Amino acid sequence: MRKKWDAHKYDEDHLDIHQKALRVAYGYKGLGNHLYGSRHLVEELCEEELDLWQDVLFSPNNIVIGGFGVDNHERFVELVDKYLGNRQNVDSKNVKGNRFNKRTYNYVGGDNRESILDANSTSIFIGFNSPGYNQNYLADLTVLQVLLGDSNQFSSGGPGKGMHSILNKLLSRVGFISDIKVHNQVFSDGGLFGIEATSLDNK
């Protein structure tokens, strides 16, 4: 069964600003690929390629199976063996013409400016190359993210937990900024750390 492709919902104009920044930062390749498959790429996919993707992704070296509340362990093992026991490890690098091979693309930087008619606000995102989740400085950036805070982080009862953050104090001093937040996008081989600020046009 095929579902109707809603191209309008997933086109470039509907990405958040930090998602667009990630695409620019990595040169529209690798981490800079679109979060959703573009319409023409989806239409080019065939059954054989989808089967290959499934074989590569769901191979034994990528699967961990655990059971919780299992009354009959032997029956559980029997079912796992029945439905998954015949699967073989498939290395995507050895599959000729496989478009799903993982490639590493480096951070290249760049800028992107857009003018949207009838917009009632202006947003800016400044991002920096950041490490992947298995690299040394990830913990440092996570702590920095917490220290900077978020103008939307408040506690409903008592003093707001985000009211004394660095960014919230900045927000209270700079009247034309209506919203400011930190984005820390982390992936296995890289990421993007940045700050997004929004100003209403009437300010």
C-alpha atoms as a PDB file:
ATOM      1  CA  MET A   1       0.000   0.000   0.000  1.00  0.00           C
ATOM      2  CA  ARG A   2       1.326   3.419  -0.950  1.00  0.00           C
ATOM      3  CA  LYS A   3       0.645   6.574   0.985  1.00  0.00           C
ATOM      4  CA  LYS A   4       0.162   9.878  -0.761  1.00  0.00           C
ATOM      5  CA  TRP A   5       3.359  11.898  -0.629  1.00  0.00           C
ATOM      6  CA  ASP A   6       2.741  15.288   0.956  1.00  0.00           C
ATOM      7  CA  ALA A   7       5.519  17.239  -0.721  1.00  0.00           C
ATOM      8  CA  HIS A   8       4.328  20.546   0.708  1.00  0.00           C
ATOM      9  CA  LYS A   9       4.657  19.286   4.279  1.00  0.00           C
ATOM     10  CA  TYR A  10       8.245  18.095   3.872  1.00  0.00           C
ATOM     11  CA  ASP A  11       9.735  20.663   1.509  1.00  0.00           C
ATOM     12  CA  GLU A  12      12.647  22.941   2.363  1.00  0.00           C
ATOM     13  CA  ASP A  13      10.442  25.861   3.378  1.00  0.00           C
ATOM     14  CA  HIS A  14       8.969  23.912   6.289  1.00  0.00           C
ATOM     15  CA  LEU A  15      12.250  23.043   7.997  1.00  0.00           C
ATOM     16  CA  ASP A  16      13.140  24.774  11.245  1.00  0.00           C
ATOM     17  CA  ILE A  17      15.954  27.305  11.055  1.00  0.00           C
ATOM     18  CA  HIS A  18      18.410  25.059  12.952  1.00  0.00           C
ATOM     19  CA  GLN A  19      17.649  22.216  10.527  1.00  0.00           C
ATOM     20  CA  LYS A  20      18.388  24.474   7.581  1.00  0.00           C
ATOM     21  CA  ALA A  21      21.616  25.576   9.271  1.00  0.00           C
ATOM     22  CA  LEU A  22      22.708  21.951   9.591  1.00  0.00           C
ATOM     23  CA  ARG A  23      22.137  21.421   5.873  1.00  0.00           C
ATOM     24  CA  VAL A  24      24.262  24.461   4.999  1.00  0.00           C
ATOM     25  CA  ALA A  25      26.982  23.591   7.530  1.00  0.00           C
ATOM     26  CA  TYR A  26      27.595  20.182   5.955  1.00  0.00           C
ATOM     27  CA  GLY A  27      27.266  21.242   2.357  1.00  0.00           C
ATOM     28  CA  TYR A  28      23.904  19.527   1.805  1.00  0.00           C
ATOM     29  CA  LYS A  29      25.633  16.141   2.073  1.00  0.00           C
ATOM     30  CA  GLY A  30      25.858  13.591   4.860  1.00  0.00           C
ATOM     31  CA  LEU A  31      24.512  15.336   7.971  1.00  0.00           C
ATOM     32  CA  GLY A  32      23.363  18.069   5.610  1.00  0.00           C
ATOM     33  CA  ASN A  33      20.940  15.806   3.793  1.00  0.00           C
ATOM     34  CA  HIS A  34      17.268  16.614   4.056  1.00  0.00           C
ATOM     35  CA  LEU A  35      15.554  15.127   7.113  1.00  0.00           C
ATOM     36  CA  TYR A  36      12.911  13.692   4.824  1.00  0.00           C
ATOM     37  CA  GLY A  37      13.420  12.006   1.494  1.00  0.00           C
ATOM     38  CA  SER A  38      12.774  14.322  -1.414  1.00  0.00           C
ATOM     39  CA  ARG A  39       9.881  13.381  -3.655  1.00  0.00           C
ATOM     40  CA  HIS A  40      11.955  12.457  -6.700  1.00  0.00           C
ATOM     41  CA  LEU A  41      14.245  10.187  -4.636  1.00  0.00           C
ATOM     42  CA  VAL A  42      11.289   8.384  -3.091  1.00  0.00           C
ATOM     43  CA  GLU A  43       9.767   7.822  -6.512  1.00  0.00           C
ATOM     44  CA  GLU A  44      13.072   6.354  -7.734  1.00  0.00           C
ATOM     45  CA  LEU A  45      13.207   3.704  -4.989  1.00  0.00           C
ATOM     46  CA  CYS A  46      12.406   0.180  -6.072  1.00  0.00           C
ATOM     47  CA  GLU A  47      11.493  -2.957  -4.142  1.00  0.00           C
ATOM     48  CA  GLU A  48      14.982  -4.450  -4.530  1.00  0.00           C
ATOM     49  CA  GLU A  49      16.632  -1.407  -2.939  1.00  0.00           C
ATOM     50  CA  LEU A  50      14.220  -1.417  -0.023  1.00  0.00           C
ATOM     51  CA  ASP A  51      14.899  -5.124   0.537  1.00  0.00           C
ATOM     52  CA  LEU A  52      18.637  -4.424   0.456  1.00  0.00           C
ATOM     53  CA  TRP A  53      18.261  -1.604   2.991  1.00  0.00           C
ATOM     54  CA  GLN A  54      16.329  -3.933   5.261  1.00  0.00           C
ATOM     55  CA  ASP A  55      18.971  -6.667   4.964  1.00  0.00           C
ATOM     56  CA  VAL A  56      21.783  -4.228   5.760  1.00  0.00           C
ATOM     57  CA  LEU A  57      20.022  -2.526   8.656  1.00  0.00           C
ATOM     58  CA  PHE A  58      18.474  -5.592  10.276  1.00  0.00           C
ATOM     59  CA  SER A  59      21.498  -7.856  10.164  1.00  0.00           C
ATOM     60  CA  PRO A  60      22.535  -9.804  13.310  1.00  0.00           C
ATOM     61  CA  ASN A  61      25.505  -7.548  14.046  1.00  0.00           C
ATOM     62  CA  ASN A  62      23.075  -4.590  14.338  1.00  0.00           C
ATOM     63  CA  ILE A  63      20.419  -6.286  16.490  1.00  0.00           C
ATOM     64  CA  VAL A  64      20.139  -6.813  20.233  1.00  0.00           C
ATOM     65  CA  ILE A  65      17.103  -8.777  21.413  1.00  0.00           C
ATOM     66  CA  GLY A  66      15.864  -8.679  24.978  1.00  0.00           C
ATOM     67  CA  GLY A  67      12.763  -9.959  26.699  1.00  0.00           C
ATOM     68  CA  PHE A  68      10.824  -8.540  29.634  1.00  0.00           C
ATOM     69  CA  GLY A  69       8.177 -10.432  31.567  1.00  0.00           C
ATOM     70  CA  VAL A  70       8.810 -13.586  29.547  1.00  0.00           C
ATOM     71  CA  ASP A  71       7.155 -16.577  31.233  1.00  0.00           C
ATOM     72  CA  ASN A  72       8.652 -19.206  28.947  1.00  0.00           C
ATOM     73  CA  HIS A  73      12.250 -18.447  28.037  1.00  0.00           C
ATOM     74  CA  GLU A  74      12.578 -21.497  25.798  1.00  0.00           C
ATOM     75  CA  ARG A  75       9.512 -20.442  23.794  1.00  0.00           C
ATOM     76  CA  PHE A  76      10.904 -16.927  23.528  1.00  0.00           C
ATOM     77  CA  VAL A  77      14.207 -18.212  22.139  1.00  0.00           C
ATOM     78  CA  GLU A  78      12.306 -20.489  19.763  1.00  0.00           C
ATOM     79  CA  LEU A  79      10.325 -17.569  18.322  1.00  0.00           C
ATOM     80  CA  VAL A  80      13.421 -15.393  17.947  1.00  0.00           C
ATOM     81  CA  ASP A  81      15.208 -18.192  16.147  1.00  0.00           C
ATOM     82  CA  LYS A  82      12.188 -18.841  13.931  1.00  0.00           C
ATOM     83  CA  TYR A  83      11.790 -15.278  12.691  1.00  0.00           C
ATOM     84  CA  LEU A  84      15.352 -13.955  12.891  1.00  0.00           C
ATOM     85  CA  GLY A  85      17.624 -16.984  13.081  1.00  0.00           C
ATOM     86  CA  ASN A  86      18.142 -17.258   9.336  1.00  0.00           C
ATOM     87  CA  ARG A  87      19.344 -13.694   8.848  1.00  0.00           C
ATOM     88  CA  GLN A  88      22.938 -13.242   7.708  1.00  0.00           C
ATOM     89  CA  ASN A  89      25.324 -10.363   8.305  1.00  0.00           C
ATOM     90  CA  VAL A  90      25.384  -8.076   5.279  1.00  0.00           C
ATOM     91  CA  ASP A  91      28.169  -5.538   4.900  1.00  0.00           C
ATOM     92  CA  SER A  92      26.852  -2.630   2.850  1.00  0.00           C
ATOM     93  CA  LYS A  93      30.391  -1.849   1.649  1.00  0.00           C
ATOM     94  CA  ASN A  94      30.463  -5.126  -0.240  1.00  0.00           C
ATOM     95  CA  VAL A  95      27.185  -4.485  -2.055  1.00  0.00           C
ATOM     96  CA  LYS A  96      27.853  -3.107  -5.508  1.00  0.00           C
ATOM     97  CA  GLY A  97      25.869  -0.020  -6.388  1.00  0.00           C
ATOM     98  CA  ASN A  98      24.380   0.328  -2.923  1.00  0.00           C
ATOM     99  CA  ARG A  99      23.221   3.903  -2.399  1.00  0.00           C
ATOM    100  CA  PHE A 100      22.844   3.301   1.351  1.00  0.00           C
ATOM    101  CA  ASN A 101      26.579   3.094   2.025  1.00  0.00           C
ATOM    102  CA  LYS A 102      27.500   5.398   4.884  1.00  0.00           C
ATOM    103  CA  ARG A 103      29.858   8.163   3.887  1.00  0.00           C
ATOM    104  CA  THR A 104      31.564  10.727   6.074  1.00  0.00           C
ATOM    105  CA  TYR A 105      31.196  14.359   5.073  1.00  0.00           C
ATOM    106  CA  ASN A 106      33.097  17.137   6.772  1.00  0.00           C
ATOM    107  CA  TYR A 107      31.809  20.402   8.164  1.00  0.00           C
ATOM    108  CA  VAL A 108      32.199  23.122   5.526  1.00  0.00           C
ATOM    109  CA  GLY A 109      30.282  26.063   7.005  1.00  0.00           C
ATOM    110  CA  GLY A 110      28.469  28.713   5.035  1.00  0.00           C
ATOM    111  CA  ASP A 111      25.489  31.015   5.321  1.00  0.00           C
ATOM    112  CA  ASN A 112      21.899  31.045   4.146  1.00  0.00           C
ATOM    113  CA  ARG A 113      19.571  34.042   4.031  1.00  0.00           C
ATOM    114  CA  GLU A 114      15.890  33.964   3.226  1.00  0.00           C
ATOM    115  CA  SER A 115      13.247  36.633   2.924  1.00  0.00           C
ATOM    116  CA  ILE A 116       9.696  35.478   3.587  1.00  0.00           C
ATOM    117  CA  LEU A 117       6.822  37.716   2.554  1.00  0.00           C
ATOM    118  CA  ASP A 118       4.355  38.714   5.269  1.00  0.00           C
ATOM    119  CA  ALA A 119       6.577  37.303   8.045  1.00  0.00           C
ATOM    120  CA  ASN A 120       5.998  39.026  11.383  1.00  0.00           C
ATOM    121  CA  SER A 121       9.359  38.070  12.890  1.00  0.00           C
ATOM    122  CA  THR A 122      13.043  37.781  12.082  1.00  0.00           C
ATOM    123  CA  SER A 123      15.142  34.809  13.176  1.00  0.00           C
ATOM    124  CA  ILE A 124      18.881  34.254  13.133  1.00  0.00           C
ATOM    125  CA  PHE A 125      20.867  31.130  13.917  1.00  0.00           C
ATOM    126  CA  ILE A 126      24.615  31.112  14.534  1.00  0.00           C
ATOM    127  CA  GLY A 127      26.108  27.632  14.668  1.00  0.00           C
ATOM    128  CA  PHE A 128      29.511  26.056  15.172  1.00  0.00           C
ATOM    129  CA  ASN A 129      30.939  22.677  14.291  1.00  0.00           C
ATOM    130  CA  SER A 130      30.550  20.325  17.259  1.00  0.00           C
ATOM    131  CA  PRO A 131      31.770  16.813  18.094  1.00  0.00           C
ATOM    132  CA  GLY A 132      29.832  13.599  17.683  1.00  0.00           C
ATOM    133  CA  TYR A 133      28.326  11.744  20.622  1.00  0.00           C
ATOM    134  CA  ASN A 134      31.364   9.494  21.032  1.00  0.00           C
ATOM    135  CA  GLN A 135      33.947  12.293  21.115  1.00  0.00           C
ATOM    136  CA  ASN A 136      35.613  13.973  24.068  1.00  0.00           C
ATOM    137  CA  TYR A 137      34.074  17.451  24.091  1.00  0.00           C
ATOM    138  CA  LEU A 138      30.425  16.404  23.970  1.00  0.00           C
ATOM    139  CA  ALA A 139      30.094  16.593  27.770  1.00  0.00           C
ATOM    140  CA  ASP A 140      31.539  20.124  27.749  1.00  0.00           C
ATOM    141  CA  LEU A 141      28.989  21.305  25.194  1.00  0.00           C
ATOM    142  CA  THR A 142      26.156  19.665  27.117  1.00  0.00           C
ATOM    143  CA  VAL A 143      27.147  21.541  30.276  1.00  0.00           C
ATOM    144  CA  LEU A 144      27.454  24.772  28.263  1.00  0.00           C
ATOM    145  CA  GLN A 145      23.969  24.212  26.852  1.00  0.00           C
ATOM    146  CA  VAL A 146      22.534  23.897  30.362  1.00  0.00           C
ATOM    147  CA  LEU A 147      24.400  26.969  31.591  1.00  0.00           C
ATOM    148  CA  LEU A 148      23.223  29.096  28.677  1.00  0.00           C
ATOM    149  CA  GLY A 149      19.659  27.955  29.263  1.00  0.00           C
ATOM    150  CA  ASP A 150      16.566  28.701  27.225  1.00  0.00           C
ATOM    151  CA  SER A 151      14.150  31.614  27.375  1.00  0.00           C
ATOM    152  CA  ASN A 152      11.240  29.155  27.293  1.00  0.00           C
ATOM    153  CA  GLN A 153      12.376  27.075  30.287  1.00  0.00           C
ATOM    154  CA  PHE A 154      10.288  28.086  33.277  1.00  0.00           C
ATOM    155  CA  SER A 155       8.853  26.214  36.217  1.00  0.00           C
ATOM    156  CA  SER A 156       5.084  26.504  36.652  1.00  0.00           C
ATOM    157  CA  GLY A 157       5.388  26.727  40.452  1.00  0.00           C
ATOM    158  CA  GLY A 158       7.791  28.883  42.379  1.00  0.00           C
ATOM    159  CA  PRO A 159      10.848  30.588  40.871  1.00  0.00           C
ATOM    160  CA  GLY A 160      11.476  29.667  37.241  1.00  0.00           C
ATOM    161  CA  LYS A 161      14.287  27.214  36.726  1.00  0.00           C
ATOM    162  CA  GLY A 162      15.392  29.024  33.581  1.00  0.00           C
ATOM    163  CA  MET A 163      14.894  32.575  34.817  1.00  0.00           C
ATOM    164  CA  HIS A 164      18.484  32.969  35.968  1.00  0.00           C
ATOM    165  CA  SER A 165      20.127  31.372  32.945  1.00  0.00           C
ATOM    166  CA  ILE A 166      22.596  33.394  30.888  1.00  0.00           C
ATOM    167  CA  LEU A 167      20.318  33.649  27.858  1.00  0.00           C
ATOM    168  CA  ASN A 168      17.262  34.598  29.899  1.00  0.00           C
ATOM    169  CA  LYS A 169      19.189  37.424  31.569  1.00  0.00           C
ATOM    170  CA  LEU A 170      20.213  38.603  28.096  1.00  0.00           C
ATOM    171  CA  LEU A 171      16.585  38.448  27.008  1.00  0.00           C
ATOM    172  CA  SER A 172      15.534  40.701  29.882  1.00  0.00           C
ATOM    173  CA  ARG A 173      18.178  43.315  28.949  1.00  0.00           C
ATOM    174  CA  VAL A 174      17.644  43.363  25.185  1.00  0.00           C
ATOM    175  CA  GLY A 175      14.087  44.404  24.492  1.00  0.00           C
ATOM    176  CA  PHE A 176      13.897  43.605  20.795  1.00  0.00           C
ATOM    177  CA  ILE A 177      14.626  39.853  21.258  1.00  0.00           C
ATOM    178  CA  SER A 178      11.431  37.914  21.888  1.00  0.00           C
ATOM    179  CA  ASP A 179      12.892  34.426  22.088  1.00  0.00           C
ATOM    180  CA  ILE A 180      16.361  32.889  22.356  1.00  0.00           C
ATOM    181  CA  LYS A 181      17.429  29.269  22.702  1.00  0.00           C
ATOM    182  CA  VAL A 182      20.352  26.878  22.322  1.00  0.00           C
ATOM    183  CA  HIS A 183      20.420  23.988  19.866  1.00  0.00           C
ATOM    184  CA  ASN A 184      22.856  21.115  20.290  1.00  0.00           C
ATOM    185  CA  GLN A 185      22.439  18.717  17.375  1.00  0.00           C
ATOM    186  CA  VAL A 186      24.565  15.639  17.993  1.00  0.00           C
ATOM    187  CA  PHE A 187      25.175  12.683  15.678  1.00  0.00           C
ATOM    188  CA  SER A 188      27.668   9.839  15.548  1.00  0.00           C
ATOM    189  CA  ASP A 189      30.252  11.666  13.440  1.00  0.00           C
ATOM    190  CA  GLY A 190      29.635  15.336  14.127  1.00  0.00           C
ATOM    191  CA  GLY A 191      27.022  17.941  14.865  1.00  0.00           C
ATOM    192  CA  LEU A 192      26.138  21.591  15.184  1.00  0.00           C
ATOM    193  CA  PHE A 193      26.023  23.751  18.317  1.00  0.00           C
ATOM    194  CA  GLY A 194      24.375  27.120  18.039  1.00  0.00           C
ATOM    195  CA  ILE A 195      22.061  29.838  19.298  1.00  0.00           C
ATOM    196  CA  GLU A 196      18.780  30.866  17.702  1.00  0.00           C
ATOM    197  CA  ALA A 197      17.254  34.281  18.380  1.00  0.00           C
ATOM    198  CA  THR A 198      13.928  35.693  17.211  1.00  0.00           C
ATOM    199  CA  SER A 199      12.749  39.288  17.122  1.00  0.00           C
ATOM    200  CA  LEU A 200       9.232  40.459  16.384  1.00  0.00           C
ATOM    201  CA  ASP A 201       9.107  43.105  13.681  1.00  0.00           C
ATOM    202  CA  ASN A 202       7.198  45.523  15.862  1.00  0.00           C
ATOM    203  CA  LYS A 203      10.177  45.621  18.224  1.00  0.00           C
END
